[in-house]
PDB file of N, CA and C in Angstrom:
ATOM      1  N   UNK A   1     105.444  82.289  65.465  1.00  0.00           N
ATOM      2  CA  UNK A   1     104.588  82.946  66.447  1.00  0.00           C
ATOM      3  C   UNK A   1     104.671  84.456  66.251  1.00  0.00           C
ATOM      4  N   UNK A   2     103.533  85.107  66.284  1.00  0.00           N
ATOM      5  CA  UNK A   2     103.458  86.552  66.119  1.00  0.00           C
ATOM      6  C   UNK A   2     104.013  87.232  67.375  1.00  0.00           C
ATOM      7  N   UNK A   3     104.771  88.295  67.181  1.00  0.00           N
ATOM      8  CA  UNK A   3     105.358  89.027  68.305  1.00  0.00           C
ATOM      9  C   UNK A   3     105.350  90.518  67.999  1.00  0.00           C
ATOM     10  N   UNK A   4     105.736  91.307  68.980  1.00  0.00           N
ATOM     11  CA  UNK A   4     105.864  92.747  68.741  1.00  0.00           C
ATOM     12  C   UNK A   4     106.979  93.033  67.744  1.00  0.00           C
ATOM     13  N   UNK A   5     108.014  92.204  67.713  1.00  0.00           N
ATOM     14  CA  UNK A   5     109.049  92.341  66.680  1.00  0.00           C
ATOM     15  C   UNK A   5     108.440  92.144  65.294  1.00  0.00           C
ATOM     16  N   UNK A   6     107.555  91.167  65.173  1.00  0.00           N
ATOM     17  CA  UNK A   6     106.866  90.929  63.900  1.00  0.00           C
ATOM     18  C   UNK A   6     106.065  92.163  63.506  1.00  0.00           C
ATOM     19  N   UNK A   7     105.323  92.715  64.453  1.00  0.00           N
ATOM     20  CA  UNK A   7     104.519  93.907  64.185  1.00  0.00           C
ATOM     21  C   UNK A   7     105.405  95.087  63.803  1.00  0.00           C
ATOM     22  N   UNK A   8     106.523  95.264  64.487  1.00  0.00           N
ATOM     23  CA  UNK A   8     107.442  96.352  64.146  1.00  0.00           C
ATOM     24  C   UNK A   8     107.942  96.195  62.711  1.00  0.00           C
ATOM     25  N   UNK A   9     108.215  94.972  62.290  1.00  0.00           N
ATOM     26  CA  UNK A   9     108.644  94.723  60.916  1.00  0.00           C
ATOM     27  C   UNK A   9     107.550  95.034  59.909  1.00  0.00           C
ATOM     28  N   UNK A  10     106.320  94.687  60.237  1.00  0.00           N
ATOM     29  CA  UNK A  10     105.185  94.998  59.365  1.00  0.00           C
ATOM     30  C   UNK A  10     105.040  96.513  59.228  1.00  0.00           C
ATOM     31  N   UNK A  11     105.164  97.223  60.337  1.00  0.00           N
ATOM     32  CA  UNK A  11     105.070  98.683  60.308  1.00  0.00           C
ATOM     33  C   UNK A  11     106.180  99.264  59.439  1.00  0.00           C
ATOM     34  N   UNK A  12     107.388  98.741  59.567  1.00  0.00           N
ATOM     35  CA  UNK A  12     108.489  99.206  58.716  1.00  0.00           C
ATOM     36  C   UNK A  12     108.166  99.006  57.237  1.00  0.00           C
ATOM     37  N   UNK A  13     107.644  97.845  56.887  1.00  0.00           N
ATOM     38  CA  UNK A  13     107.310  97.576  55.479  1.00  0.00           C
ATOM     39  C   UNK A  13     106.175  98.468  54.995  1.00  0.00           C
ATOM     40  N   UNK A  14     105.176  98.648  55.812  1.00  0.00           N
ATOM     41  CA  UNK A  14     104.040  99.483  55.408  1.00  0.00           C
ATOM     42  C   UNK A  14     104.421 100.957  55.336  1.00  0.00           C
ATOM     43  N   UNK A  15     105.410 101.356  56.105  1.00  0.00           N
ATOM     44  CA  UNK A  15     105.882 102.744  56.054  1.00  0.00           C
ATOM     45  C   UNK A  15     106.506 103.060  54.703  1.00  0.00           C
ATOM     46  N   UNK A  16     106.958 102.033  54.002  1.00  0.00           N
ATOM     47  CA  UNK A  16     107.574 102.222  52.692  1.00  0.00           C
ATOM     48  C   UNK A  16     106.535 102.335  51.577  1.00  0.00           C
ATOM     49  N   UNK A  17     105.285 102.043  51.865  1.00  0.00           N
ATOM     50  CA  UNK A  17     104.218 102.102  50.872  1.00  0.00           C
ATOM     51  C   UNK A  17     103.678 103.526  50.762  1.00  0.00           C
ATOM     52  N   UNK A  18     102.833 103.756  49.790  1.00  0.00           N
ATOM     53  CA  UNK A  18     102.182 105.053  49.655  1.00  0.00           C
ATOM     54  C   UNK A  18     101.038 105.205  50.642  1.00  0.00           C
ATOM     55  N   UNK A  19     100.729 106.450  50.985  1.00  0.00           N
ATOM     56  CA  UNK A  19      99.670 106.717  51.963  1.00  0.00           C
ATOM     57  C   UNK A  19      98.303 106.247  51.478  1.00  0.00           C
ATOM     58  N   UNK A  20      98.092 106.223  50.177  1.00  0.00           N
ATOM     59  CA  UNK A  20      96.803 105.763  49.657  1.00  0.00           C
ATOM     60  C   UNK A  20      96.625 104.265  49.849  1.00  0.00           C
ATOM     61  N   UNK A  21      97.729 103.545  50.043  1.00  0.00           N
ATOM     62  CA  UNK A  21      97.672 102.097  50.238  1.00  0.00           C
ATOM     63  C   UNK A  21      97.891 101.685  51.682  1.00  0.00           C
ATOM     64  N   UNK A  22      98.472 102.567  52.490  1.00  0.00           N
ATOM     65  CA  UNK A  22      98.915 102.173  53.825  1.00  0.00           C
ATOM     66  C   UNK A  22      98.448 103.167  54.888  1.00  0.00           C
ATOM     67  N   UNK A  23      97.627 102.677  55.814  1.00  0.00           N
ATOM     68  CA  UNK A  23      97.209 103.501  56.953  1.00  0.00           C
ATOM     69  C   UNK A  23      98.433 103.914  57.768  1.00  0.00           C
ATOM     70  N   UNK A  24      99.376 103.014  57.933  1.00  0.00           N
ATOM     71  CA  UNK A  24     100.605 103.320  58.671  1.00  0.00           C
ATOM     72  C   UNK A  24     101.318 104.506  58.035  1.00  0.00           C
ATOM     73  N   UNK A  25     101.490 104.468  56.715  1.00  0.00           N
ATOM     74  CA  UNK A  25     102.160 105.565  56.009  1.00  0.00           C
ATOM     75  C   UNK A  25     101.388 106.858  56.173  1.00  0.00           C
ATOM     76  N   UNK A  26     100.055 106.781  56.109  1.00  0.00           N
ATOM     77  CA  UNK A  26      99.252 108.003  56.258  1.00  0.00           C
ATOM     78  C   UNK A  26      99.418 108.606  57.649  1.00  0.00           C
ATOM     79  N   UNK A  27      99.544 107.771  58.671  1.00  0.00           N
ATOM     80  CA  UNK A  27      99.805 108.282  60.015  1.00  0.00           C
ATOM     81  C   UNK A  27     101.171 108.954  60.081  1.00  0.00           C
ATOM     82  N   UNK A  28     102.183 108.277  59.558  1.00  0.00           N
ATOM     83  CA  UNK A  28     103.541 108.811  59.603  1.00  0.00           C
ATOM     84  C   UNK A  28     103.656 110.119  58.832  1.00  0.00           C
ATOM     85  N   UNK A  29     102.921 110.243  57.728  1.00  0.00           N
ATOM     86  CA  UNK A  29     102.961 111.464  56.931  1.00  0.00           C
ATOM     87  C   UNK A  29     102.405 112.666  57.695  1.00  0.00           C
ATOM     88  N   UNK A  30     101.586 112.411  58.694  1.00  0.00           N
ATOM     89  CA  UNK A  30     101.013 113.504  59.497  1.00  0.00           C
ATOM     90  C   UNK A  30     101.950 113.960  60.606  1.00  0.00           C
ATOM     91  N   UNK A  31     103.049 113.258  60.794  1.00  0.00           N
ATOM     92  CA  UNK A  31     104.070 113.680  61.743  1.00  0.00           C
ATOM     93  C   UNK A  31     103.983 113.011  63.105  1.00  0.00           C
ATOM     94  N   UNK A  32     105.075 113.175  63.842  1.00  0.00           N
ATOM     95  CA  UNK A  32     105.199 112.529  65.158  1.00  0.00           C
ATOM     96  C   UNK A  32     104.160 113.037  66.150  1.00  0.00           C
ATOM     97  N   UNK A  33     103.857 114.330  66.103  1.00  0.00           N
ATOM     98  CA  UNK A  33     102.876 114.863  67.056  1.00  0.00           C
ATOM     99  C   UNK A  33     101.509 114.230  66.834  1.00  0.00           C
ATOM    100  N   UNK A  34     101.125 114.056  65.576  1.00  0.00           N
ATOM    101  CA  UNK A  34      99.847 113.397  65.279  1.00  0.00           C
ATOM    102  C   UNK A  34      99.868 111.953  65.781  1.00  0.00           C
ATOM    103  N   UNK A  35     100.977 111.260  65.524  1.00  0.00           N
ATOM    104  CA  UNK A  35     101.104 109.873  65.986  1.00  0.00           C
ATOM    105  C   UNK A  35     101.029 109.798  67.505  1.00  0.00           C
ATOM    106  N   UNK A  36     101.612 110.767  68.185  1.00  0.00           N
ATOM    107  CA  UNK A  36     101.561 110.798  69.649  1.00  0.00           C
ATOM    108  C   UNK A  36     100.125 111.009  70.134  1.00  0.00           C
ATOM    109  N   UNK A  37      99.411 111.918  69.492  1.00  0.00           N
ATOM    110  CA  UNK A  37      98.011 112.144  69.881  1.00  0.00           C
ATOM    111  C   UNK A  37      97.165 110.893  69.634  1.00  0.00           C
ATOM    112  N   UNK A  38      97.411 110.229  68.508  1.00  0.00           N
ATOM    113  CA  UNK A  38      96.656 109.008  68.197  1.00  0.00           C
ATOM    114  C   UNK A  38      96.950 107.920  69.227  1.00  0.00           C
ATOM    115  N   UNK A  39      98.214 107.785  69.619  1.00  0.00           N
ATOM    116  CA  UNK A  39      98.559 106.832  70.673  1.00  0.00           C
ATOM    117  C   UNK A  39      97.825 107.180  71.970  1.00  0.00           C
ATOM    118  N   UNK A  40      97.825 108.450  72.330  1.00  0.00           N
ATOM    119  CA  UNK A  40      97.136 108.884  73.546  1.00  0.00           C
ATOM    120  C   UNK A  40      95.648 108.587  73.504  1.00  0.00           C
ATOM    121  N   UNK A  41      95.034 108.813  72.354  1.00  0.00           N
ATOM    122  CA  UNK A  41      93.614 108.509  72.175  1.00  0.00           C
ATOM    123  C   UNK A  41      93.348 107.027  72.405  1.00  0.00           C
ATOM    124  N   UNK A  42      94.200 106.195  71.831  1.00  0.00           N
ATOM    125  CA  UNK A  42      94.028 104.745  71.998  1.00  0.00           C
ATOM    126  C   UNK A  42      94.272 104.325  73.445  1.00  0.00           C
ATOM    127  N   UNK A  43      95.232 104.958  74.112  1.00  0.00           N
ATOM    128  CA  UNK A  43      95.503 104.636  75.519  1.00  0.00           C
ATOM    129  C   UNK A  43      94.294 104.980  76.394  1.00  0.00           C
ATOM    130  N   UNK A  44      93.660 106.114  76.099  1.00  0.00           N
ATOM    131  CA  UNK A  44      92.452 106.492  76.848  1.00  0.00           C
ATOM    132  C   UNK A  44      91.341 105.482  76.603  1.00  0.00           C
ATOM    133  N   UNK A  45      91.179 105.052  75.348  1.00  0.00           N
ATOM    134  CA  UNK A  45      90.148 104.052  75.042  1.00  0.00           C
ATOM    135  C   UNK A  45      90.415 102.739  75.778  1.00  0.00           C
ATOM    136  N   UNK A  46      91.681 102.360  75.889  1.00  0.00           N
ATOM    137  CA  UNK A  46      92.018 101.147  76.648  1.00  0.00           C
ATOM    138  C   UNK A  46      91.709 101.338  78.128  1.00  0.00           C
ATOM    139  N   UNK A  47      92.002 102.504  78.648  1.00  0.00           N
ATOM    140  CA  UNK A  47      91.716 102.794  80.055  1.00  0.00           C
ATOM    141  C   UNK A  47      90.219 102.675  80.335  1.00  0.00           C
ATOM    142  N   UNK A  48      89.418 103.237  79.463  1.00  0.00           N
ATOM    143  CA  UNK A  48      87.966 103.159  79.621  1.00  0.00           C
ATOM    144  C   UNK A  48      87.497 101.711  79.518  1.00  0.00           C
ATOM    145  N   UNK A  49      88.011 100.994  78.525  1.00  0.00           N
ATOM    146  CA  UNK A  49      87.620  99.582  78.367  1.00  0.00           C
ATOM    147  C   UNK A  49      88.034  98.765  79.579  1.00  0.00           C
ATOM    148  N   UNK A  50      89.231  99.038  80.103  1.00  0.00           N
ATOM    149  CA  UNK A  50      89.716  98.299  81.257  1.00  0.00           C
ATOM    150  C   UNK A  50      88.873  98.524  82.490  1.00  0.00           C
ATOM    151  N   UNK A  51      88.312  99.708  82.602  1.00  0.00           N
ATOM    152  CA  UNK A  51      87.502 100.027  83.771  1.00  0.00           C
ATOM    153  C   UNK A  51      86.052  99.593  83.635  1.00  0.00           C
ATOM    154  N   UNK A  52      85.546  99.534  82.402  1.00  0.00           N
ATOM    155  CA  UNK A  52      84.100  99.383  82.287  1.00  0.00           C
ATOM    156  C   UNK A  52      83.602  98.354  81.292  1.00  0.00           C
ATOM    157  N   UNK A  53      84.455  97.812  80.428  1.00  0.00           N
ATOM    158  CA  UNK A  53      83.935  96.971  79.356  1.00  0.00           C
ATOM    159  C   UNK A  53      84.399  95.530  79.486  1.00  0.00           C
ATOM    160  N   UNK A  54      84.000  94.743  78.522  1.00  0.00           N
ATOM    161  CA  UNK A  54      84.298  93.319  78.561  1.00  0.00           C
ATOM    162  C   UNK A  54      85.705  93.005  78.046  1.00  0.00           C
ATOM    163  N   UNK A  55      86.080  91.749  78.198  1.00  0.00           N
ATOM    164  CA  UNK A  55      87.421  91.297  77.827  1.00  0.00           C
ATOM    165  C   UNK A  55      87.729  91.547  76.353  1.00  0.00           C
ATOM    166  N   UNK A  56      86.757  91.350  75.483  1.00  0.00           N
ATOM    167  CA  UNK A  56      86.981  91.559  74.050  1.00  0.00           C
ATOM    168  C   UNK A  56      87.339  93.007  73.754  1.00  0.00           C
ATOM    169  N   UNK A  57      86.685  93.951  74.428  1.00  0.00           N
ATOM    170  CA  UNK A  57      86.985  95.370  74.231  1.00  0.00           C
ATOM    171  C   UNK A  57      88.386  95.696  74.728  1.00  0.00           C
ATOM    172  N   UNK A  58      88.759  95.141  75.862  1.00  0.00           N
ATOM    173  CA  UNK A  58      90.115  95.356  76.399  1.00  0.00           C
ATOM    174  C   UNK A  58      91.146  94.804  75.425  1.00  0.00           C
ATOM    175  N   UNK A  59      90.914  93.624  74.922  1.00  0.00           N
ATOM    176  CA  UNK A  59      91.841  92.989  73.978  1.00  0.00           C
ATOM    177  C   UNK A  59      91.994  93.838  72.708  1.00  0.00           C
ATOM    178  N   UNK A  60      90.881  94.295  72.159  1.00  0.00           N
ATOM    179  CA  UNK A  60      90.914  95.099  70.934  1.00  0.00           C
ATOM    180  C   UNK A  60      91.626  96.424  71.157  1.00  0.00           C
ATOM    181  N   UNK A  61      91.333  97.084  72.248  1.00  0.00           N
ATOM    182  CA  UNK A  61      91.966  98.378  72.539  1.00  0.00           C
ATOM    183  C   UNK A  61      93.446  98.198  72.856  1.00  0.00           C
ATOM    184  N   UNK A  62      93.803  97.114  73.533  1.00  0.00           N
ATOM    185  CA  UNK A  62      95.217  96.852  73.825  1.00  0.00           C
ATOM    186  C   UNK A  62      95.991  96.646  72.528  1.00  0.00           C
ATOM    187  N   UNK A  63      95.387  95.942  71.578  1.00  0.00           N
ATOM    188  CA  UNK A  63      96.032  95.754  70.278  1.00  0.00           C
ATOM    189  C   UNK A  63      96.240  97.093  69.584  1.00  0.00           C
ATOM    190  N   UNK A  64      95.244  97.978  69.650  1.00  0.00           N
ATOM    191  CA  UNK A  64      95.384  99.314  69.057  1.00  0.00           C
ATOM    192  C   UNK A  64      96.511 100.091  69.722  1.00  0.00           C
ATOM    193  N   UNK A  65      96.605 100.005  71.043  1.00  0.00           N
ATOM    194  CA  UNK A  65      97.656 100.709  71.784  1.00  0.00           C
ATOM    195  C   UNK A  65      99.034 100.224  71.339  1.00  0.00           C
ATOM    196  N   UNK A  66      99.215  98.920  71.249  1.00  0.00           N
ATOM    197  CA  UNK A  66     100.522  98.387  70.853  1.00  0.00           C
ATOM    198  C   UNK A  66     100.888  98.822  69.438  1.00  0.00           C
ATOM    199  N   UNK A  67      99.937  98.748  68.521  1.00  0.00           N
ATOM    200  CA  UNK A  67     100.181  99.187  67.147  1.00  0.00           C
ATOM    201  C   UNK A  67     100.579 100.664  67.122  1.00  0.00           C
ATOM    202  N   UNK A  68      99.796 101.509  67.762  1.00  0.00           N
ATOM    203  CA  UNK A  68     100.058 102.946  67.708  1.00  0.00           C
ATOM    204  C   UNK A  68     101.325 103.327  68.472  1.00  0.00           C
ATOM    205  N   UNK A  69     101.680 102.562  69.488  1.00  0.00           N
ATOM    206  CA  UNK A  69     102.954 102.781  70.162  1.00  0.00           C
ATOM    207  C   UNK A  69     104.110 102.552  69.195  1.00  0.00           C
ATOM    208  N   UNK A  70     104.053 101.456  68.459  1.00  0.00           N
ATOM    209  CA  UNK A  70     105.131 101.160  67.513  1.00  0.00           C
ATOM    210  C   UNK A  70     105.170 102.173  66.371  1.00  0.00           C
ATOM    211  N   UNK A  71     104.026 102.662  65.942  1.00  0.00           N
ATOM    212  CA  UNK A  71     104.001 103.708  64.917  1.00  0.00           C
ATOM    213  C   UNK A  71     104.627 104.990  65.468  1.00  0.00           C
ATOM    214  N   UNK A  72     104.306 105.327  66.697  1.00  0.00           N
ATOM    215  CA  UNK A  72     104.899 106.514  67.325  1.00  0.00           C
ATOM    216  C   UNK A  72     106.410 106.377  67.434  1.00  0.00           C
ATOM    217  N   UNK A  73     106.880 105.227  67.859  1.00  0.00           N
ATOM    218  CA  UNK A  73     108.324 105.008  67.927  1.00  0.00           C
ATOM    219  C   UNK A  73     108.960 105.203  66.549  1.00  0.00           C
ATOM    220  N   UNK A  74     108.335 104.657  65.536  1.00  0.00           N
ATOM    221  CA  UNK A  74     108.835 104.801  64.162  1.00  0.00           C
ATOM    222  C   UNK A  74     108.855 106.278  63.759  1.00  0.00           C
ATOM    223  N   UNK A  75     107.783 106.997  64.074  1.00  0.00           N
ATOM    224  CA  UNK A  75     107.693 108.420  63.724  1.00  0.00           C
ATOM    225  C   UNK A  75     108.799 109.235  64.389  1.00  0.00           C
ATOM    226  N   UNK A  76     109.186 108.834  65.590  1.00  0.00           N
ATOM    227  CA  UNK A  76     110.233 109.546  66.335  1.00  0.00           C
ATOM    228  C   UNK A  76     111.623 108.996  66.059  1.00  0.00           C
ATOM    229  N   UNK A  77     111.717 107.946  65.251  1.00  0.00           N
ATOM    230  CA  UNK A  77     113.015 107.368  64.924  1.00  0.00           C
ATOM    231  C   UNK A  77     113.633 106.571  66.055  1.00  0.00           C
ATOM    232  N   UNK A  78     112.785 106.074  66.940  1.00  0.00           N
ATOM    233  CA  UNK A  78     113.252 105.258  68.063  1.00  0.00           C
ATOM    234  C   UNK A  78     113.088 103.791  67.679  1.00  0.00           C
ATOM    235  N   UNK A  79     114.188 103.073  67.617  1.00  0.00           N
ATOM    236  CA  UNK A  79     114.163 101.669  67.243  1.00  0.00           C
ATOM    237  C   UNK A  79     113.504 100.845  68.356  1.00  0.00           C
ATOM    238  N   UNK A  80     112.569  99.991  67.968  1.00  0.00           N
ATOM    239  CA  UNK A  80     111.878  99.157  68.949  1.00  0.00           C
ATOM    240  C   UNK A  80     112.862  98.317  69.757  1.00  0.00           C
ATOM    241  N   UNK A  81     113.916  97.825  69.111  1.00  0.00           N
ATOM    242  CA  UNK A  81     114.915  97.010  69.815  1.00  0.00           C
ATOM    243  C   UNK A  81     115.555  97.792  70.959  1.00  0.00           C
ATOM    244  N   UNK A  82     115.702  99.104  70.802  1.00  0.00           N
ATOM    245  CA  UNK A  82     116.288  99.907  71.883  1.00  0.00           C
ATOM    246  C   UNK A  82     115.346 100.008  73.078  1.00  0.00           C
ATOM    247  N   UNK A  83     114.050  99.978  72.816  1.00  0.00           N
ATOM    248  CA  UNK A  83     113.068  99.985  73.907  1.00  0.00           C
ATOM    249  C   UNK A  83     113.127  98.649  74.646  1.00  0.00           C
ATOM    250  N   UNK A  84     113.237  97.574  73.901  1.00  0.00           N
ATOM    251  CA  UNK A  84     113.369  96.247  74.514  1.00  0.00           C
ATOM    252  C   UNK A  84     114.642  96.183  75.356  1.00  0.00           C
ATOM    253  N   UNK A  85     115.729  96.743  74.843  1.00  0.00           N
ATOM    254  CA  UNK A  85     116.981  96.777  75.614  1.00  0.00           C
ATOM    255  C   UNK A  85     116.812  97.581  76.904  1.00  0.00           C
ATOM    256  N   UNK A  86     116.085  98.690  76.821  1.00  0.00           N
ATOM    257  CA  UNK A  86     115.815  99.495  78.017  1.00  0.00           C
ATOM    258  C   UNK A  86     115.057  98.673  79.054  1.00  0.00           C
ATOM    259  N   UNK A  87     114.038  97.964  78.599  1.00  0.00           N
ATOM    260  CA  UNK A  87     113.280  97.105  79.520  1.00  0.00           C
ATOM    261  C   UNK A  87     114.174  96.024  80.124  1.00  0.00           C
ATOM    262  N   UNK A  88     114.986  95.422  79.276  1.00  0.00           N
ATOM    263  CA  UNK A  88     115.880  94.365  79.755  1.00  0.00           C
ATOM    264  C   UNK A  88     116.835  94.896  80.820  1.00  0.00           C
ATOM    265  N   UNK A  89     117.335  96.105  80.631  1.00  0.00           N
ATOM    266  CA  UNK A  89     118.275  96.672  81.602  1.00  0.00           C
ATOM    267  C   UNK A  89     117.610  96.927  82.956  1.00  0.00           C
ATOM    268  N   UNK A  90     116.315  97.063  82.938  1.00  0.00           N
ATOM    269  CA  UNK A  90     115.583  97.324  84.188  1.00  0.00           C
ATOM    270  C   UNK A  90     115.230  96.063  84.958  1.00  0.00           C
ATOM    271  N   UNK A  91     115.404  94.900  84.365  1.00  0.00           N
ATOM    272  CA  UNK A  91     114.973  93.670  85.021  1.00  0.00           C
ATOM    273  C   UNK A  91     115.897  93.225  86.142  1.00  0.00           C
ATOM    274  N   UNK A  92     117.046  93.841  86.258  1.00  0.00           N
ATOM    275  CA  UNK A  92     117.999  93.442  87.297  1.00  0.00           C
ATOM    276  C   UNK A  92     117.735  94.107  88.635  1.00  0.00           C
ATOM    277  N   UNK A  93     116.734  94.965  88.688  1.00  0.00           N
ATOM    278  CA  UNK A  93     116.383  95.588  89.970  1.00  0.00           C
ATOM    279  C   UNK A  93     114.875  95.707  90.071  1.00  0.00           C
ATOM    280  N   UNK A  94     114.413  95.895  91.267  1.00  0.00           N
ATOM    281  CA  UNK A  94     112.969  95.963  91.476  1.00  0.00           C
ATOM    282  C   UNK A  94     112.412  97.241  90.858  1.00  0.00           C
ATOM    283  N   UNK A  95     111.128  97.231  90.614  1.00  0.00           N
ATOM    284  CA  UNK A  95     110.465  98.426  90.086  1.00  0.00           C
ATOM    285  C   UNK A  95     110.620  99.620  91.001  1.00  0.00           C
ATOM    286  N   UNK A  96     110.605  99.391  92.312  1.00  0.00           N
ATOM    287  CA  UNK A  96     110.775 100.493  93.267  1.00  0.00           C
ATOM    288  C   UNK A  96     112.180 101.083  93.140  1.00  0.00           C
ATOM    289  N   UNK A  97     113.187 100.232  93.015  1.00  0.00           N
ATOM    290  CA  UNK A  97     114.570 100.709  92.868  1.00  0.00           C
ATOM    291  C   UNK A  97     114.741 101.476  91.556  1.00  0.00           C
ATOM    292  N   UNK A  98     114.174 100.943  90.494  1.00  0.00           N
ATOM    293  CA  UNK A  98     114.299 101.570  89.186  1.00  0.00           C
ATOM    294  C   UNK A  98     113.633 102.941  89.187  1.00  0.00           C
ATOM    295  N   UNK A  99     112.457 103.039  89.767  1.00  0.00           N
ATOM    296  CA  UNK A  99     111.737 104.309  89.807  1.00  0.00           C
ATOM    297  C   UNK A  99     112.477 105.329  90.659  1.00  0.00           C
ATOM    298  N   UNK A 100     113.029 104.901  91.784  1.00  0.00           N
ATOM    299  CA  UNK A 100     113.816 105.806  92.636  1.00  0.00           C
ATOM    300  C   UNK A 100     115.054 106.308  91.915  1.00  0.00           C
ATOM    301  N   UNK A 101     115.674 105.467  91.112  1.00  0.00           N
ATOM    302  CA  UNK A 101     116.879 105.863  90.363  1.00  0.00           C
ATOM    303  C   UNK A 101     116.542 106.928  89.325  1.00  0.00           C
ATOM    304  N   UNK A 102     115.358 106.880  88.749  1.00  0.00           N
ATOM    305  CA  UNK A 102     114.954 107.883  87.759  1.00  0.00           C
ATOM    306  C   UNK A 102     114.748 109.244  88.406  1.00  0.00           C
ATOM    307  N   UNK A 103     114.347 109.273  89.668  1.00  0.00           N
ATOM    308  CA  UNK A 103     114.118 110.545  90.373  1.00  0.00           C
ATOM    309  C   UNK A 103     115.435 111.208  90.748  1.00  0.00           C
ATOM    310  N   UNK A 104     116.484 110.393  90.926  1.00  0.00           N
ATOM    311  CA  UNK A 104     117.776 110.927  91.372  1.00  0.00           C
ATOM    312  C   UNK A 104     118.481 111.717  90.302  1.00  0.00           C
TER     313      UNK A 104
END
């Protein structure tokens, strides 16, 4: 079954390829700031699709967001597994409790 772990592995492999062969590598070669802007662009497109377009558009834009999020994490040297661990650590308390703890 395909998962975000699978996608993270694909991104890792494609990052090892040349930019002429790999869109992922070409993004990474432009730096973390570029990857962050690209993620933001995709997030805005998902927001617009979520508010105004059909299910297929939401699905396509959500896929772009997930891909570009993982590329951004790679560009910043943040291991995807550490993000999953962060999420897991938050599951023991409610979202309201977790958000209040971040403000403290």
